[in-house]
């Protein structure tokens, strides 16, 4: 679909207006609350000032959405085909809108408390809760695509922690004879590059997830409820990139403090190891089509980095709080999605 055709549809389909606004709202909130995870360690080690780091993240989020979608749209395809809202396109569109409202509510509540919740899993939970409400059963959930989500959850944590631990040990061994000030100057610059890579991969992962939802909304507005191959138009990549970058530029200092400062006290080489680990893990999952959480990848990498020095260097009370939030996201946002869908069906 061309941009001109999309605007023509907007003028003729009021329901598409609601879907578009809500989806863009979720993308904005994602950039606002989730993207700061990518730059948290860079700010914590004072490699960059908060505002400069946030602007850098906004730019690389934009590039990540655009470039990685051109290379491989597999994550968008997974999200597009994950749920089935039923044969009635109008009712399905109502269900999709309800899921988007649930995600925004959950994300804003998490941001208000400074908790680095996963927008990726909020998206998945909200869509799933809405699909269950539409069918009154699990028949609207695509088990094969959900399996990718479950694998991504486990692998992102395992890869992040493992790479964080290994990279830290490797750096310690390689640099053991290097003068501390000289090593710090290198890692000061290297961490900025690694953090830019993490921000890039955040855009690649989360941008594709929300483009999948956007395409689903367009399909339902056209009365098409069947799953099919996904072709992501360039204008949609640019639109989602710009909105996510705008959300990132709004702020996110609370999340930066929770992830980069409160959880682990970092030196510059550790921040570099954490960013490099998160970027590598997200790249692996993106190329295999697994929707994973940037929050999970980055925070688990930070845990691995801290544990490589000594287990006690990790603030496990903050880790427990984060894990509890992750665990609660699926049932919490799923229930909100379910209830919102039931409410929307009655109202509309």
Protein backbone atom coordinates (compact mmCIF):
# COMPACT_ATOMS: atom_id res chain seq x y z
CA UNK A 1 0.00 0.00 0.00
CA UNK A 2 1.31 3.43 -0.97
CA UNK A 3 1.14 6.45 1.35
CA UNK A 4 -1.47 8.03 -0.95
CA UNK A 5 -3.67 4.93 -0.73
CA UNK A 6 -3.30 4.94 3.05
CA UNK A 7 -4.52 8.55 3.30
CA UNK A 8 -7.42 7.73 0.99
CA UNK A 9 -8.39 4.90 3.31
CA UNK A 10 -8.14 7.19 6.34
CA UNK A 11 -10.63 9.59 4.74
CA UNK A 12 -13.09 6.75 4.06
CA UNK A 13 -12.57 4.57 7.17
CA UNK A 14 -13.08 6.28 10.55
CA UNK A 15 -12.09 3.09 12.39
CA UNK A 16 -8.66 3.27 10.77
CA UNK A 17 -8.15 6.69 12.35
CA UNK A 18 -8.62 5.22 15.81
CA UNK A 19 -6.30 2.29 15.08
CA UNK A 20 -3.61 4.56 13.63
CA UNK A 21 -3.67 7.04 16.53
CA UNK A 22 -3.60 4.29 19.16
CA UNK A 23 -0.78 2.38 17.45
CA UNK A 24 1.31 5.52 17.05
CA UNK A 25 0.59 6.30 20.70
CA UNK A 26 1.96 2.91 21.73
CA UNK A 27 5.08 3.44 19.56
CA UNK A 28 5.60 6.86 21.18
CA UNK A 29 5.29 5.37 24.68
CA UNK A 30 7.71 2.59 23.71
CA UNK A 31 10.34 5.12 22.67
CA UNK A 32 9.65 7.04 25.88
CA UNK A 33 9.82 4.17 28.36
CA UNK A 34 11.76 1.31 26.73
CA UNK A 35 14.47 2.96 24.62
CA UNK A 36 16.29 4.49 27.65
CA UNK A 37 17.40 0.96 28.61
CA UNK A 38 19.76 1.03 25.63
CA UNK A 39 21.72 4.02 26.95
CA UNK A 40 21.40 3.52 30.72
CA UNK A 41 24.93 2.22 31.29
CA UNK A 42 26.48 4.96 29.12
CA UNK A 43 24.90 7.59 31.33
CA UNK A 44 25.74 5.68 34.52
CA UNK A 45 29.48 5.64 33.68
CA UNK A 46 29.37 9.30 32.58
CA UNK A 47 30.52 8.44 29.07
CA UNK A 48 27.66 10.69 27.89
CA UNK A 49 25.38 13.24 29.47
CA UNK A 50 21.73 12.12 29.78
CA UNK A 51 20.25 14.45 27.16
CA UNK A 52 23.00 13.77 24.62
CA UNK A 53 22.59 10.02 25.16
CA UNK A 54 18.82 10.26 24.72
CA UNK A 55 19.21 12.15 21.45
CA UNK A 56 21.74 9.59 20.23
CA UNK A 57 19.30 6.80 21.10
CA UNK A 58 16.54 8.61 19.17
CA UNK A 59 18.72 8.78 16.04
CA UNK A 60 19.82 5.14 16.20
CA UNK A 61 16.30 3.91 16.99
CA UNK A 62 15.27 5.57 13.74
CA UNK A 63 18.08 3.90 11.80
CA UNK A 64 17.42 0.53 13.41
CA UNK A 65 13.78 0.46 12.36
CA UNK A 66 14.60 1.49 8.82
CA UNK A 67 17.71 -0.57 8.07
CA UNK A 68 16.86 -3.85 9.81
CA UNK A 69 13.35 -4.00 8.34
CA UNK A 70 14.85 -3.70 4.88
CA UNK A 71 17.21 -6.58 5.72
CA UNK A 72 14.73 -8.89 7.48
CA UNK A 73 11.07 -8.20 8.45
CA UNK A 74 10.73 -11.54 10.31
CA UNK A 75 9.86 -9.99 13.67
CA UNK A 76 7.03 -7.98 12.08
CA UNK A 77 5.73 -11.17 10.47
CA UNK A 78 5.71 -13.00 13.81
CA UNK A 79 3.63 -10.28 15.48
CA UNK A 80 1.29 -9.95 12.49
CA UNK A 81 0.45 -13.66 12.59
CA UNK A 82 0.50 -14.20 16.37
CA UNK A 83 -3.23 -13.76 17.07
CA UNK A 84 -6.54 -14.11 15.27
CA UNK A 85 -9.32 -11.72 16.30
CA UNK A 86 -12.04 -13.70 14.51
CA UNK A 87 -13.92 -13.58 11.19
CA UNK A 88 -15.69 -10.26 11.80
CA UNK A 89 -13.30 -7.52 10.65
CA UNK A 90 -15.16 -4.73 12.47
CA UNK A 91 -15.18 -6.62 15.78
CA UNK A 92 -11.53 -7.59 15.25
CA UNK A 93 -10.60 -3.92 14.77
CA UNK A 94 -12.35 -3.08 18.05
CA UNK A 95 -10.34 -5.82 19.75
CA UNK A 96 -7.08 -4.46 18.33
CA UNK A 97 -7.89 -0.94 19.55
CA UNK A 98 -8.68 -2.30 23.02
CA UNK A 99 -5.31 -4.08 23.11
CA UNK A 100 -3.51 -0.84 22.21
CA UNK A 101 -5.29 1.05 25.02
CA UNK A 102 -4.28 -1.69 27.49
CA UNK A 103 -0.62 -1.43 26.44
CA UNK A 104 -0.56 2.36 26.87
CA UNK A 105 -2.16 2.11 30.32
CA UNK A 106 0.33 -0.54 31.45
CA UNK A 107 3.34 1.32 30.05
CA UNK A 108 2.44 4.66 31.62
CA UNK A 109 1.86 3.06 35.03
CA UNK A 110 5.27 1.35 34.82
CA UNK A 111 6.97 4.59 33.78
CA UNK A 112 5.32 6.50 36.66
CA UNK A 113 6.98 4.13 39.12
CA UNK A 114 10.33 4.13 37.25
CA UNK A 115 10.12 0.40 36.55
CA UNK A 116 11.78 -0.82 33.31
CA UNK A 117 8.91 -2.96 32.13
CA UNK A 118 9.00 -4.61 28.72
CA UNK A 119 6.85 -2.93 26.09
CA UNK A 120 7.44 -5.95 23.87
CA UNK A 121 5.80 -8.29 26.32
CA UNK A 122 3.08 -5.75 27.11
CA UNK A 123 2.29 -5.72 23.39
CA UNK A 124 2.21 -9.50 23.20
CA UNK A 125 0.15 -9.80 26.40
CA UNK A 126 -2.34 -7.11 25.35
CA UNK A 127 -2.92 -8.67 21.92
CA UNK A 128 -3.28 -12.13 23.43
CA UNK A 129 -5.74 -10.99 26.11
CA UNK A 130 -7.83 -9.26 23.48
CA UNK A 131 -7.83 -12.32 21.16
CA UNK A 132 -8.93 -14.55 24.07
CA UNK A 133 -11.76 -12.10 24.84
CA UNK A 134 -12.89 -12.15 21.20
CA UNK A 135 -13.05 -15.97 21.09
CA UNK A 136 -13.77 -16.67 24.79
CA UNK A 137 -11.04 -19.29 24.45
CA UNK A 138 -7.41 -19.78 23.42
CA UNK A 139 -8.42 -20.60 19.83
CA UNK A 140 -7.44 -17.10 18.67
CA UNK A 141 -3.80 -17.55 19.73
CA UNK A 142 -1.30 -18.93 17.19
CA UNK A 143 0.71 -21.43 19.23
CA UNK A 144 3.60 -21.65 16.75
CA UNK A 145 4.21 -17.90 16.83
CA UNK A 146 3.77 -17.80 20.60
CA UNK A 147 6.48 -20.46 20.87
CA UNK A 148 8.90 -17.97 19.29
CA UNK A 149 7.92 -15.47 21.97
CA UNK A 150 8.57 -17.96 24.77
CA UNK A 151 11.92 -18.97 23.27
CA UNK A 152 12.86 -15.32 22.86
CA UNK A 153 12.07 -14.65 26.53
CA UNK A 154 14.38 -17.43 27.71
CA UNK A 155 17.12 -16.86 25.15
CA UNK A 156 17.32 -13.07 25.55
CA UNK A 157 17.95 -13.47 29.28
CA UNK A 158 20.39 -16.37 28.86
CA UNK A 159 22.31 -14.75 26.00
CA UNK A 160 22.44 -11.37 27.71
CA UNK A 161 23.70 -12.75 31.02
CA UNK A 162 26.13 -15.19 29.39
CA UNK A 163 27.66 -12.69 26.97
CA UNK A 164 27.86 -10.03 29.68
CA UNK A 165 29.77 -12.42 31.95
CA UNK A 166 32.09 -13.68 29.17
CA UNK A 167 32.86 -10.28 27.63
CA UNK A 168 33.70 -8.85 31.05
CA UNK A 169 36.07 -11.72 31.85
CA UNK A 170 37.65 -11.43 28.40
CA UNK A 171 38.20 -7.68 28.73
CA UNK A 172 39.69 -8.13 32.20
CA UNK A 173 42.14 -10.70 30.86
CA UNK A 174 43.10 -8.79 27.70
CA UNK A 175 43.54 -5.45 29.50
CA UNK A 176 45.16 -6.70 32.70
CA UNK A 177 48.52 -5.12 31.75
CA UNK A 178 47.07 -1.89 30.31
CA UNK A 179 47.30 1.28 32.37
CA UNK A 180 43.96 2.14 33.94
CA UNK A 181 43.65 5.74 32.58
CA UNK A 182 44.54 4.60 29.06
CA UNK A 183 42.00 1.75 29.16
CA UNK A 184 39.34 4.12 30.50
CA UNK A 185 39.83 6.53 27.60
CA UNK A 186 39.32 3.67 25.13
CA UNK A 187 36.22 2.30 26.84
CA UNK A 188 34.80 5.80 27.26
CA UNK A 189 34.60 6.09 23.46
CA UNK A 190 33.90 2.41 22.88
CA UNK A 191 30.90 2.48 25.17
CA UNK A 192 29.28 5.24 23.14
CA UNK A 193 29.63 3.12 19.97
CA UNK A 194 28.29 0.02 21.75
CA UNK A 195 25.34 1.95 23.22
CA UNK A 196 24.52 3.28 19.75
CA UNK A 197 24.45 -0.35 18.59
CA UNK A 198 22.04 -1.28 21.38
CA UNK A 199 19.77 1.65 20.48
CA UNK A 200 19.93 0.59 16.82
CA UNK A 201 18.86 -2.96 17.71
CA UNK A 202 16.11 -1.67 19.99
CA UNK A 203 14.65 0.14 17.00
CA UNK A 204 15.08 -2.98 14.86
CA UNK A 205 13.24 -5.18 17.35
CA UNK A 206 10.51 -2.94 18.74
CA UNK A 207 9.95 -0.96 15.57
CA UNK A 208 9.15 -4.16 13.69
CA UNK A 209 6.77 -5.35 16.42
CA UNK A 210 4.68 -2.22 16.17
CA UNK A 211 4.80 -2.14 12.38
CA UNK A 212 3.32 -5.63 12.50
CA UNK A 213 0.44 -4.25 14.58
CA UNK A 214 0.05 -1.26 12.25
CA UNK A 215 -0.22 -3.55 9.22
CA UNK A 216 -2.73 -5.73 11.08
CA UNK A 217 -4.88 -2.66 11.74
CA UNK A 218 -4.77 -1.67 8.05
CA UNK A 219 -5.72 -5.21 7.01
CA UNK A 220 -8.68 -5.33 9.41
CA UNK A 221 -9.86 -1.88 8.32
CA UNK A 222 -9.96 -3.31 4.78
CA UNK A 223 -12.05 -6.27 5.96
CA UNK A 224 -9.14 -8.71 5.61
CA UNK A 225 -8.95 -11.07 8.61
CA UNK A 226 -6.76 -13.75 7.04
CA UNK A 227 -3.07 -14.09 7.89
CA UNK A 228 -0.79 -13.52 4.94
CA UNK A 229 2.73 -12.53 3.98
CA UNK A 230 3.84 -9.15 5.30
CA UNK A 231 5.21 -6.47 2.99
CA UNK A 232 6.32 -3.41 4.98
CA UNK A 233 6.17 -0.17 2.92
CA UNK A 234 9.00 2.34 3.23
CA UNK A 235 6.68 5.15 4.36
CA UNK A 236 5.56 3.02 7.33
CA UNK A 237 9.16 2.32 8.35
CA UNK A 238 9.88 6.07 8.30
CA UNK A 239 6.69 6.95 10.19
CA UNK A 240 7.32 4.42 12.97
CA UNK A 241 10.99 5.44 13.15
CA UNK A 242 10.15 9.12 13.58
CA UNK A 243 7.47 8.51 16.23
CA UNK A 244 9.71 6.16 18.24
CA UNK A 245 12.59 8.64 18.03
CA UNK A 246 10.26 11.41 19.22
CA UNK A 247 9.23 9.29 22.20
CA UNK A 248 12.85 8.62 23.08
CA UNK A 249 13.68 12.33 22.93
CA UNK A 250 10.90 13.11 25.45
CA UNK A 251 12.87 11.59 28.28
CA UNK A 252 13.32 8.42 30.24
CA UNK A 253 15.61 9.51 33.07
CA UNK A 254 13.70 7.43 35.64
CA UNK A 255 14.36 4.25 33.68
CA UNK A 256 18.02 5.18 33.15
CA UNK A 257 18.43 5.56 36.92
CA UNK A 258 16.78 2.18 37.68
CA UNK A 259 18.79 0.22 35.10
CA UNK A 260 22.12 1.99 34.88
CA UNK A 261 22.65 3.30 38.40
CA UNK A 262 20.58 1.42 40.97
CA UNK A 263 21.11 -2.15 39.74
CA UNK A 264 24.91 -2.32 39.28
CA UNK A 265 27.72 0.15 40.00
CA UNK A 266 29.59 0.17 36.69
CA UNK A 267 33.05 1.01 35.49
CA UNK A 268 33.49 2.05 31.87
CA UNK A 269 34.74 -1.32 30.63
CA UNK A 270 31.74 -2.99 32.24
CA UNK A 271 29.34 -0.59 30.57
CA UNK A 272 31.04 -1.38 27.25
CA UNK A 273 30.68 -5.14 27.88
CA UNK A 274 27.00 -4.77 28.79
CA UNK A 275 26.14 -2.74 25.68
CA UNK A 276 28.11 -5.05 23.40
CA UNK A 277 26.36 -8.11 24.90
CA UNK A 278 22.88 -6.63 24.56
CA UNK A 279 23.52 -5.59 20.95
CA UNK A 280 24.79 -9.06 19.99
CA UNK A 281 21.86 -10.82 21.67
CA UNK A 282 19.26 -8.57 20.03
CA UNK A 283 20.88 -9.02 16.61
CA UNK A 284 20.78 -12.82 16.89
CA UNK A 285 17.11 -12.80 17.89
CA UNK A 286 16.11 -10.26 15.20
CA UNK A 287 17.66 -12.28 12.39
CA UNK A 288 15.84 -15.44 13.57
CA UNK A 289 12.46 -13.68 13.86
CA UNK A 290 12.12 -13.95 17.66
CA UNK A 291 10.38 -10.94 19.26
CA UNK A 292 12.47 -10.23 22.36
CA UNK A 293 12.65 -7.47 24.92
CA UNK A 294 15.41 -4.85 24.84
CA UNK A 295 14.79 -4.45 28.58
CA UNK A 296 15.45 -8.13 29.20
CA UNK A 297 18.52 -8.24 26.96
CA UNK A 298 20.11 -5.16 28.53
CA UNK A 299 19.30 -5.81 32.18
CA UNK A 300 20.37 -9.46 31.99
CA UNK A 301 23.63 -8.32 30.35
CA UNK A 302 24.18 -5.92 33.24
CA UNK A 303 23.58 -8.74 35.71
CA UNK A 304 26.16 -10.88 33.90
CA UNK A 305 28.66 -8.01 33.93
CA UNK A 306 28.17 -7.46 37.65
CA UNK A 307 28.36 -11.15 38.47
CA UNK A 308 31.66 -11.45 36.55
CA UNK A 309 33.26 -9.12 39.09
CA UNK A 310 31.49 -10.62 42.11
CA UNK A 311 27.91 -11.71 42.75
CA UNK A 312 27.52 -9.19 45.57
CA UNK A 313 28.15 -6.27 43.23
CA UNK A 314 24.67 -6.75 41.77
CA UNK A 315 21.84 -5.08 43.68
CA UNK A 316 19.62 -8.14 43.74
CA UNK A 317 16.73 -6.28 45.39
CA UNK A 318 16.42 -4.12 42.25
CA UNK A 319 16.75 -7.27 40.11
CA UNK A 320 13.94 -8.95 42.04
CA UNK A 321 11.73 -5.91 41.50
CA UNK A 322 12.40 -6.01 37.76
CA UNK A 323 11.79 -9.76 37.50
CA UNK A 324 8.52 -9.37 39.40
CA UNK A 325 7.46 -6.69 36.91
CA UNK A 326 8.36 -8.94 33.98
CA UNK A 327 6.41 -11.82 35.48
CA UNK A 328 3.40 -9.59 36.13
CA UNK A 329 3.41 -8.05 32.64
CA UNK A 330 1.88 -11.06 30.88
CA UNK A 331 -1.08 -11.64 33.22
CA UNK A 332 -1.41 -7.93 34.13
CA UNK A 333 -1.47 -6.45 30.65
CA UNK A 334 -3.27 -9.53 29.32
CA UNK A 335 -6.11 -9.04 31.79
CA UNK A 336 -6.33 -5.33 30.99
CA UNK A 337 -6.47 -6.23 27.27
CA UNK A 338 -9.21 -8.79 27.96
CA UNK A 339 -11.32 -6.38 30.04
CA UNK A 340 -10.84 -3.47 27.63
CA UNK A 341 -11.96 -5.67 24.74
CA UNK A 342 -15.11 -6.75 26.55
CA UNK A 343 -15.81 -3.10 27.44
CA UNK A 344 -15.19 -1.88 23.88
CA UNK A 345 -17.51 -4.56 22.45
CA UNK A 346 -20.32 -3.32 24.72
CA UNK A 347 -19.67 0.36 23.94
CA UNK A 348 -19.10 0.07 20.19
